[in-house]
Amino acid sequence: MGSERDQDMAERRSFAFALAVLALCTNSVSAVALRSLPDEKPLNIAFNLSLYCGFAAGMSALGVVGALRRSASLLAIFANHLLLDALLSSIPRLLLLPFLTALPAALCDYRDAETGLRGGAGEDKCARVLGWVQAVVVGFVVAVTVAQSWAAIQVKGYAEWLGNGEEGQEIGKEKTDERGEEKCGLEAV
């Protein structure tokens, strides 16, 4: 049973490391890409987003170091950031969805070449296709938010396991010493 548990924890560590490296790469590339956009005044959206991506890359770097060093606190910081990011970034994604409702009217403006009249089968088909595209985009936004939240919860669970020690303790159970007395958590693990 011990080797099965060790294998599970090795998989969790690999998952935490891979997730942190992926987040570090995407956030770093996003920060650099956003800095290359033209600066618009007075909102400075590209600059502010690039600062956030730089901050997120820093949090991801903590996750990489935490996975390598098996640091419960660094992994917990990374997992909490990832969970908060999943929830907060879903808000602007969902706020942009109503603007997709204007797409069929803007993109499906067909005029018959012979009569010059609008409408017809082409416009109806275009509107149906864009309706499906909208549904796929909504599903994608929800799926990305759920997947990121699930990944953050998995990393947080691994961090909690590391925080409880590697002496075979179950997550959530109190650690005790040889005499059965509860440890205060200040001893070296």
Protein backbone atom coordinates (compact mmCIF):
# COMPACT_ATOMS: atom_id res chain seq x y z
CA MET A 1 0.00 0.00 0.00
CA GLY A 2 2.93 2.32 0.72
CA SER A 3 4.32 2.11 -2.80
CA GLU A 4 0.89 2.86 -4.27
CA ARG A 5 0.65 5.93 -2.07
CA ASP A 6 4.21 6.97 -2.96
CA GLN A 7 3.36 6.61 -6.65
CA ASP A 8 0.23 8.75 -6.15
CA MET A 9 2.25 11.47 -4.43
CA ALA A 10 4.92 11.31 -7.16
CA GLU A 11 2.17 11.81 -9.74
CA ARG A 12 0.78 14.75 -7.76
CA ARG A 13 4.25 16.29 -7.55
CA SER A 14 4.75 15.83 -11.30
CA PHE A 15 1.33 17.35 -11.95
CA ALA A 16 2.09 20.35 -9.72
CA PHE A 17 5.46 20.85 -11.41
CA ALA A 18 4.04 20.55 -14.94
CA LEU A 19 1.18 22.91 -14.14
CA ALA A 20 3.51 25.49 -12.61
CA VAL A 21 5.89 25.32 -15.60
CA LEU A 22 2.98 25.65 -18.04
CA ALA A 23 1.57 28.63 -16.12
CA LEU A 24 5.03 30.22 -15.92
CA CYS A 25 5.51 29.89 -19.69
CA THR A 26 2.07 31.17 -20.68
CA ASN A 27 2.16 34.09 -18.24
CA SER A 28 5.69 35.08 -19.29
CA VAL A 29 4.85 34.95 -23.00
CA SER A 30 1.62 36.88 -22.37
CA ALA A 31 3.48 39.58 -20.43
CA VAL A 32 6.01 40.04 -23.24
CA ALA A 33 3.33 39.96 -25.95
CA LEU A 34 1.21 42.53 -24.14
CA ARG A 35 4.19 44.85 -23.77
CA SER A 36 4.60 44.86 -27.55
CA LEU A 37 1.09 46.25 -28.08
CA PRO A 38 0.79 50.00 -28.64
CA ASP A 39 0.26 52.02 -25.48
CA GLU A 40 -3.22 53.51 -25.32
CA LYS A 41 -4.02 56.40 -23.03
CA PRO A 42 -5.66 56.93 -20.51
CA LEU A 43 -6.49 53.30 -19.56
CA ASN A 44 -3.13 51.66 -20.34
CA ILE A 45 -4.88 48.30 -20.60
CA ALA A 46 -1.95 46.50 -22.26
CA PHE A 47 0.50 47.79 -19.65
CA ASN A 48 -1.77 46.84 -16.74
CA LEU A 49 -2.44 43.38 -18.14
CA SER A 50 1.28 42.85 -18.73
CA LEU A 51 1.94 43.78 -15.08
CA TYR A 52 -0.65 41.23 -13.98
CA CYS A 53 0.89 38.58 -16.25
CA GLY A 54 4.29 39.36 -14.74
CA PHE A 55 2.83 38.96 -11.25
CA ALA A 56 1.18 35.68 -12.29
CA ALA A 57 4.51 34.50 -13.74
CA GLY A 58 6.09 35.24 -10.34
CA MET A 59 3.41 33.18 -8.59
CA SER A 60 4.01 30.39 -11.10
CA ALA A 61 7.75 30.54 -10.41
CA LEU A 62 6.91 30.01 -6.72
CA GLY A 63 4.96 26.94 -7.81
CA VAL A 64 7.93 25.59 -9.77
CA VAL A 65 10.28 26.11 -6.81
CA GLY A 66 7.68 24.65 -4.45
CA ALA A 67 7.30 21.51 -6.54
CA LEU A 68 11.06 21.06 -6.84
CA ARG A 69 11.73 21.63 -3.13
CA ARG A 70 8.50 19.98 -1.96
CA SER A 71 7.57 23.17 -0.14
CA ALA A 72 4.00 23.09 1.12
CA SER A 73 3.84 26.85 1.65
CA LEU A 74 5.08 27.77 -1.84
CA LEU A 75 2.73 25.27 -3.47
CA ALA A 76 -0.17 26.56 -1.37
CA ILE A 77 0.56 30.13 -2.48
CA PHE A 78 0.65 28.99 -6.11
CA ALA A 79 -2.56 26.95 -5.75
CA ASN A 80 -4.42 29.81 -4.06
CA HIS A 81 -3.32 32.21 -6.79
CA LEU A 82 -4.39 29.74 -9.47
CA LEU A 83 -7.82 29.28 -7.90
CA LEU A 84 -8.34 33.02 -7.45
CA ASP A 85 -7.17 33.63 -11.02
CA ALA A 86 -9.64 31.05 -12.34
CA LEU A 87 -12.54 32.72 -10.60
CA LEU A 88 -11.55 36.32 -11.31
CA SER A 89 -10.62 35.78 -14.96
CA SER A 90 -13.94 34.09 -15.64
CA ILE A 91 -15.73 37.37 -14.89
CA PRO A 92 -14.37 39.36 -17.87
CA ARG A 93 -14.73 36.30 -20.09
CA LEU A 94 -18.39 36.04 -19.18
CA LEU A 95 -18.90 39.80 -19.50
CA LEU A 96 -17.63 39.67 -23.09
CA LEU A 97 -20.14 36.99 -24.10
CA PRO A 98 -23.11 39.36 -24.59
CA PHE A 99 -21.10 41.17 -27.26
CA LEU A 100 -21.12 37.94 -29.26
CA THR A 101 -24.87 38.30 -29.76
CA ALA A 102 -24.21 41.15 -32.19
CA LEU A 103 -22.03 38.96 -34.41
CA PRO A 104 -24.77 37.34 -36.49
CA ALA A 105 -26.24 40.70 -37.46
CA ALA A 106 -22.82 42.12 -38.33
CA LEU A 107 -21.40 39.10 -40.16
CA CYS A 108 -24.48 37.62 -41.79
CA ASP A 109 -25.61 40.61 -43.86
CA TYR A 110 -26.30 38.92 -47.19
CA ARG A 111 -27.72 40.70 -50.20
CA ASP A 112 -28.99 38.81 -53.17
CA ALA A 113 -26.83 39.71 -56.19
CA GLU A 114 -29.80 39.82 -58.58
CA THR A 115 -32.47 41.53 -56.51
CA GLY A 116 -30.36 43.43 -53.96
CA LEU A 117 -32.73 42.26 -51.20
CA ARG A 118 -31.46 41.19 -47.80
CA GLY A 119 -32.09 37.89 -46.15
CA GLY A 120 -32.65 34.46 -47.55
CA ALA A 121 -31.34 31.01 -46.80
CA GLY A 122 -27.70 32.15 -46.68
CA GLU A 123 -28.34 34.65 -43.91
CA ASP A 124 -30.35 32.12 -41.88
CA LYS A 125 -27.64 29.49 -42.23
CA CYS A 126 -24.95 31.98 -41.22
CA ALA A 127 -26.95 33.00 -38.13
CA ARG A 128 -27.38 29.33 -37.11
CA VAL A 129 -23.66 28.63 -37.51
CA LEU A 130 -22.72 31.68 -35.45
CA GLY A 131 -25.26 30.63 -32.81
CA TRP A 132 -23.40 27.32 -32.50
CA VAL A 133 -20.10 29.19 -32.34
CA GLN A 134 -21.47 31.26 -29.47
CA ALA A 135 -22.55 28.10 -27.64
CA VAL A 136 -19.10 26.56 -28.10
CA VAL A 137 -17.42 29.73 -26.78
CA VAL A 138 -19.66 29.71 -23.68
CA GLY A 139 -18.90 26.03 -23.12
CA PHE A 140 -15.18 26.69 -23.55
CA VAL A 141 -15.20 29.53 -21.00
CA VAL A 142 -16.99 27.35 -18.46
CA ALA A 143 -14.71 24.36 -19.16
CA VAL A 144 -11.52 26.41 -18.81
CA THR A 145 -12.71 27.86 -15.50
CA VAL A 146 -13.67 24.43 -14.16
CA ALA A 147 -10.41 22.83 -15.35
CA GLN A 148 -8.25 25.56 -13.81
CA SER A 149 -10.18 25.37 -10.54
CA TRP A 150 -9.83 21.57 -10.46
CA ALA A 151 -6.08 21.81 -11.13
CA ALA A 152 -5.67 24.38 -8.35
CA ILE A 153 -7.56 22.14 -5.91
CA GLN A 154 -5.31 19.19 -6.84
CA VAL A 155 -2.15 21.23 -6.20
CA LYS A 156 -3.62 22.53 -2.95
CA GLY A 157 -4.33 18.96 -1.84
CA TYR A 158 -0.72 18.00 -2.56
CA ALA A 159 0.49 21.05 -0.62
CA GLU A 160 -1.70 20.06 2.34
CA TRP A 161 -0.27 16.55 2.22
CA LEU A 162 3.25 17.99 2.24
CA GLY A 163 2.30 20.27 5.12
CA ASN A 164 1.14 17.29 7.17
CA GLY A 165 4.51 15.59 6.69
CA GLU A 166 5.62 12.59 4.72
CA GLU A 167 5.52 10.12 7.60
CA GLY A 168 2.44 8.41 6.23
CA GLN A 169 -0.05 10.81 7.78
CA GLU A 170 -3.39 11.18 6.08
CA ILE A 171 -4.46 14.63 4.95
CA GLY A 172 -6.38 16.37 7.71
CA LYS A 173 -5.20 14.12 10.58
CA GLU A 174 -3.20 15.57 13.45
CA LYS A 175 0.46 14.61 13.79
CA THR A 176 1.52 13.01 17.07
CA ASP A 177 4.91 12.07 18.49
CA GLU A 178 6.05 8.68 19.78
CA ARG A 179 4.20 9.13 23.10
CA GLY A 180 0.93 9.95 21.33
CA GLU A 181 1.09 13.65 22.21
CA GLU A 182 0.14 16.18 19.57
CA LYS A 183 3.07 17.98 17.92
CA CYS A 184 2.90 21.75 17.88
CA GLY A 185 4.27 22.00 14.32
CA LEU A 186 7.50 23.84 15.23
CA GLU A 187 9.77 20.81 14.97
CA ALA A 188 11.84 20.18 11.86
CA VAL A 189 10.08 17.78 9.54
